[in-house]
Amino acid sequence: MLHHVTLHLARSKQFPEGSPRHGYVITAPLDGQGHLDWEEWLERRAHCLVRRFWAAEAERQGVLVHRPGGSGGATWMIDYNQGRLGDEEAGYHLHQHRFAEGEYVTIADDDGKPHTFHVVSVIPAEPGRTGEHR
């Protein structure tokens, strides 16, 4: 089932309290335990959209992709321009992490610098509104 997952930047040296002004809203297929569902992604990948918000920077729109390689045999990534290599942001072991409120995930920016994010909400995508971000 598709869900809208909101991630906020977790506490770090630069942001001791974390930051709700830095993060993502990801529409992703999750199984009953909150793990990314590769089989559903194959069927519904056109609806797996990502909105990146980063304080004063312009928002970026992308898609959630699953690529061969990496640990576990594949890597979940955010791709902002599917026609150009090098703008992707890779998730760190996203196939193992639960997307549930209170959990943490790590995503490396397009320069490869990892950032840890706090899962602040996981909301089922409403029928007829799949892929929209609020």
C-alpha atoms as a PDB file:
ATOM      1  CA  MET A   1       0.000   0.000   0.000  1.00  0.00           C
ATOM      2  CA  LEU A   2       1.302   3.454  -0.845  1.00  0.00           C
ATOM      3  CA  HIS A   3       2.026   5.830   2.028  1.00  0.00           C
ATOM      4  CA  HIS A   4       3.138   9.432   2.361  1.00  0.00           C
ATOM      5  CA  VAL A   5       6.223   9.366   4.595  1.00  0.00           C
ATOM      6  CA  THR A   6       7.496  12.648   6.068  1.00  0.00           C
ATOM      7  CA  LEU A   7      11.120  12.822   7.179  1.00  0.00           C
ATOM      8  CA  HIS A   8      12.722  15.689   9.126  1.00  0.00           C
ATOM      9  CA  LEU A   9      16.437  16.178   9.645  1.00  0.00           C
ATOM     10  CA  ALA A  10      17.460  14.544  12.922  1.00  0.00           C
ATOM     11  CA  ARG A  11      19.741  16.072  15.555  1.00  0.00           C
ATOM     12  CA  SER A  12      23.308  16.705  14.411  1.00  0.00           C
ATOM     13  CA  LYS A  13      26.228  19.000  15.217  1.00  0.00           C
ATOM     14  CA  GLN A  14      24.859  21.586  12.794  1.00  0.00           C
ATOM     15  CA  PHE A  15      21.263  21.181  14.041  1.00  0.00           C
ATOM     16  CA  PRO A  16      21.321  20.159  17.746  1.00  0.00           C
ATOM     17  CA  GLU A  17      17.512  20.131  17.875  1.00  0.00           C
ATOM     18  CA  GLY A  18      17.040  18.665  14.397  1.00  0.00           C
ATOM     19  CA  SER A  19      15.199  20.654  11.754  1.00  0.00           C
ATOM     20  CA  PRO A  20      11.636  20.445  10.438  1.00  0.00           C
ATOM     21  CA  ARG A  21      12.751  22.847   7.663  1.00  0.00           C
ATOM     22  CA  HIS A  22      14.961  20.141   6.132  1.00  0.00           C
ATOM     23  CA  GLY A  23      13.507  16.881   4.895  1.00  0.00           C
ATOM     24  CA  TYR A  24      11.434  14.884   2.483  1.00  0.00           C
ATOM     25  CA  VAL A  25       7.908  13.788   1.764  1.00  0.00           C
ATOM     26  CA  ILE A  26       8.104  10.424   0.020  1.00  0.00           C
ATOM     27  CA  THR A  27       5.234   8.462  -1.476  1.00  0.00           C
ATOM     28  CA  ALA A  28       6.382   4.872  -1.081  1.00  0.00           C
ATOM     29  CA  PRO A  29       4.942   1.351  -1.069  1.00  0.00           C
ATOM     30  CA  LEU A  30       5.203  -0.116   2.417  1.00  0.00           C
ATOM     31  CA  ASP A  31       4.373  -3.613   3.561  1.00  0.00           C
ATOM     32  CA  GLY A  32       2.485  -4.388   6.771  1.00  0.00           C
ATOM     33  CA  GLN A  33       5.649  -3.979   8.867  1.00  0.00           C
ATOM     34  CA  GLY A  34       6.572  -0.603   7.333  1.00  0.00           C
ATOM     35  CA  HIS A  35       9.344  -1.858   5.035  1.00  0.00           C
ATOM     36  CA  LEU A  36       9.693  -0.730   1.430  1.00  0.00           C
ATOM     37  CA  ASP A  37       7.813  -3.171  -0.794  1.00  0.00           C
ATOM     38  CA  TRP A  38       9.795  -3.824  -3.972  1.00  0.00           C
ATOM     39  CA  GLU A  39       7.054  -5.857  -5.679  1.00  0.00           C
ATOM     40  CA  GLU A  40       4.472  -3.116  -5.219  1.00  0.00           C
ATOM     41  CA  TRP A  41       7.041  -0.530  -6.318  1.00  0.00           C
ATOM     42  CA  LEU A  42       7.412  -2.442  -9.604  1.00  0.00           C
ATOM     43  CA  GLU A  43       3.672  -2.089 -10.213  1.00  0.00           C
ATOM     44  CA  ARG A  44       3.230   1.482  -8.945  1.00  0.00           C
ATOM     45  CA  ARG A  45       6.592   3.201  -9.393  1.00  0.00           C
ATOM     46  CA  ALA A  46       5.037   6.043 -11.402  1.00  0.00           C
ATOM     47  CA  HIS A  47       3.281   7.066  -8.162  1.00  0.00           C
ATOM     48  CA  CYS A  48       6.414   6.881  -5.972  1.00  0.00           C
ATOM     49  CA  LEU A  49       7.246  10.573  -5.882  1.00  0.00           C
ATOM     50  CA  VAL A  50       9.573  12.562  -3.643  1.00  0.00           C
ATOM     51  CA  ARG A  51       9.540  16.192  -2.566  1.00  0.00           C
ATOM     52  CA  ARG A  52      12.730  17.463  -0.940  1.00  0.00           C
ATOM     53  CA  PHE A  53      12.530  20.647   1.130  1.00  0.00           C
ATOM     54  CA  TRP A  54      15.738  22.193   2.416  1.00  0.00           C
ATOM     55  CA  ALA A  55      15.262  25.497   4.285  1.00  0.00           C
ATOM     56  CA  ALA A  56      15.890  28.425   1.922  1.00  0.00           C
ATOM     57  CA  GLU A  57      16.709  26.250  -1.108  1.00  0.00           C
ATOM     58  CA  ALA A  58      14.111  25.650  -3.796  1.00  0.00           C
ATOM     59  CA  GLU A  59      12.138  22.433  -3.395  1.00  0.00           C
ATOM     60  CA  ARG A  60      13.242  19.512  -5.528  1.00  0.00           C
ATOM     61  CA  GLN A  61      10.871  16.979  -7.053  1.00  0.00           C
ATOM     62  CA  GLY A  62      12.030  13.457  -7.790  1.00  0.00           C
ATOM     63  CA  VAL A  63      11.078   9.807  -7.865  1.00  0.00           C
ATOM     64  CA  LEU A  64      11.876   6.831  -5.646  1.00  0.00           C
ATOM     65  CA  VAL A  65      13.912   4.296  -7.617  1.00  0.00           C
ATOM     66  CA  HIS A  66      15.350   0.858  -6.940  1.00  0.00           C
ATOM     67  CA  ARG A  67      18.691   0.148  -8.597  1.00  0.00           C
ATOM     68  CA  PRO A  68      20.893  -2.955  -8.722  1.00  0.00           C
ATOM     69  CA  GLY A  69      24.072  -2.901  -6.665  1.00  0.00           C
ATOM     70  CA  GLY A  70      24.910  -1.799  -3.162  1.00  0.00           C
ATOM     71  CA  SER A  71      24.595  -3.806   0.019  1.00  0.00           C
ATOM     72  CA  GLY A  72      21.878  -6.403  -0.098  1.00  0.00           C
ATOM     73  CA  GLY A  73      22.081  -6.466  -3.900  1.00  0.00           C
ATOM     74  CA  ALA A  74      20.132  -3.263  -4.538  1.00  0.00           C
ATOM     75  CA  THR A  75      19.847   0.355  -3.458  1.00  0.00           C
ATOM     76  CA  TRP A  76      16.813   2.566  -2.969  1.00  0.00           C
ATOM     77  CA  MET A  77      17.524   6.044  -4.292  1.00  0.00           C
ATOM     78  CA  ILE A  78      15.879   9.377  -4.968  1.00  0.00           C
ATOM     79  CA  ASP A  79      16.381  10.467  -8.567  1.00  0.00           C
ATOM     80  CA  TYR A  80      15.708  14.091  -9.471  1.00  0.00           C
ATOM     81  CA  ASN A  81      16.374  13.811 -13.209  1.00  0.00           C
ATOM     82  CA  GLN A  82      16.141  10.333 -14.652  1.00  0.00           C
ATOM     83  CA  GLY A  83      17.817  11.465 -17.859  1.00  0.00           C
ATOM     84  CA  ARG A  84      20.994  12.564 -16.086  1.00  0.00           C
ATOM     85  CA  LEU A  85      23.364  10.626 -13.843  1.00  0.00           C
ATOM     86  CA  GLY A  86      24.866  12.142 -10.718  1.00  0.00           C
ATOM     87  CA  ASP A  87      21.905  13.890  -9.092  1.00  0.00           C
ATOM     88  CA  GLU A  88      20.684  10.839  -7.186  1.00  0.00           C
ATOM     89  CA  GLU A  89      20.545  10.571  -3.406  1.00  0.00           C
ATOM     90  CA  ALA A  90      21.098   7.067  -2.057  1.00  0.00           C
ATOM     91  CA  GLY A  91      19.420   5.649   0.995  1.00  0.00           C
ATOM     92  CA  TYR A  92      21.513   3.726   3.496  1.00  0.00           C
ATOM     93  CA  HIS A  93      20.115   0.197   3.962  1.00  0.00           C
ATOM     94  CA  LEU A  94      16.577   1.462   3.307  1.00  0.00           C
ATOM     95  CA  HIS A  95      15.512  -2.088   2.446  1.00  0.00           C
ATOM     96  CA  GLN A  96      16.125  -3.015   6.111  1.00  0.00           C
ATOM     97  CA  HIS A  97      14.611   0.008   7.855  1.00  0.00           C
ATOM     98  CA  ARG A  98      11.050   0.416   9.020  1.00  0.00           C
ATOM     99  CA  PHE A  99       9.237   3.542   7.948  1.00  0.00           C
ATOM    100  CA  ALA A 100       7.264   4.098  11.126  1.00  0.00           C
ATOM    101  CA  GLU A 101       6.861   7.204  13.282  1.00  0.00           C
ATOM    102  CA  GLY A 102       9.839   7.598  15.595  1.00  0.00           C
ATOM    103  CA  GLU A 103      12.247   5.540  13.478  1.00  0.00           C
ATOM    104  CA  TYR A 104      15.362   6.933  11.775  1.00  0.00           C
ATOM    105  CA  VAL A 105      16.746   6.541   8.248  1.00  0.00           C
ATOM    106  CA  THR A 106      19.863   7.839   6.520  1.00  0.00           C
ATOM    107  CA  ILE A 107      19.987   9.379   3.054  1.00  0.00           C
ATOM    108  CA  ALA A 108      23.158  10.630   1.391  1.00  0.00           C
ATOM    109  CA  ASP A 109      22.818  13.892  -0.531  1.00  0.00           C
ATOM    110  CA  ASP A 110      23.937  14.127  -4.154  1.00  0.00           C
ATOM    111  CA  ASP A 111      27.477  14.900  -2.920  1.00  0.00           C
ATOM    112  CA  GLY A 112      27.480  11.635  -0.953  1.00  0.00           C
ATOM    113  CA  LYS A 113      27.250  13.279   2.490  1.00  0.00           C
ATOM    114  CA  PRO A 114      24.966  11.195   4.743  1.00  0.00           C
ATOM    115  CA  HIS A 115      22.166  12.836   6.752  1.00  0.00           C
ATOM    116  CA  THR A 116      20.009  11.112   9.343  1.00  0.00           C
ATOM    117  CA  PHE A 117      16.271  11.762   9.268  1.00  0.00           C
ATOM    118  CA  HIS A 118      13.518  11.183  11.800  1.00  0.00           C
ATOM    119  CA  VAL A 119      10.288   9.632  10.499  1.00  0.00           C
ATOM    120  CA  VAL A 120       7.659  12.083  11.739  1.00  0.00           C
ATOM    121  CA  SER A 121       4.587  10.730   9.938  1.00  0.00           C
ATOM    122  CA  VAL A 122       3.420   7.798   7.843  1.00  0.00           C
ATOM    123  CA  ILE A 123      -0.012   8.313   6.308  1.00  0.00           C
ATOM    124  CA  PRO A 124      -1.761   5.940   3.888  1.00  0.00           C
ATOM    125  CA  ALA A 125      -2.089   7.549   0.463  1.00  0.00           C
ATOM    126  CA  GLU A 126      -5.722   8.358  -0.198  1.00  0.00           C
ATOM    127  CA  PRO A 127      -7.356   6.678  -3.202  1.00  0.00           C
ATOM    128  CA  GLY A 128      -7.491   9.180  -6.052  1.00  0.00           C
ATOM    129  CA  ARG A 129      -4.709  11.271  -4.472  1.00  0.00           C
ATOM    130  CA  THR A 130      -1.832   8.835  -4.904  1.00  0.00           C
ATOM    131  CA  GLY A 131       1.461  10.597  -5.515  1.00  0.00           C
ATOM    132  CA  GLU A 132       0.301  14.039  -4.411  1.00  0.00           C
ATOM    133  CA  HIS A 133       2.230  15.834  -1.720  1.00  0.00           C
ATOM    134  CA  ARG A 134       0.681  18.240   0.713  1.00  0.00           C
END
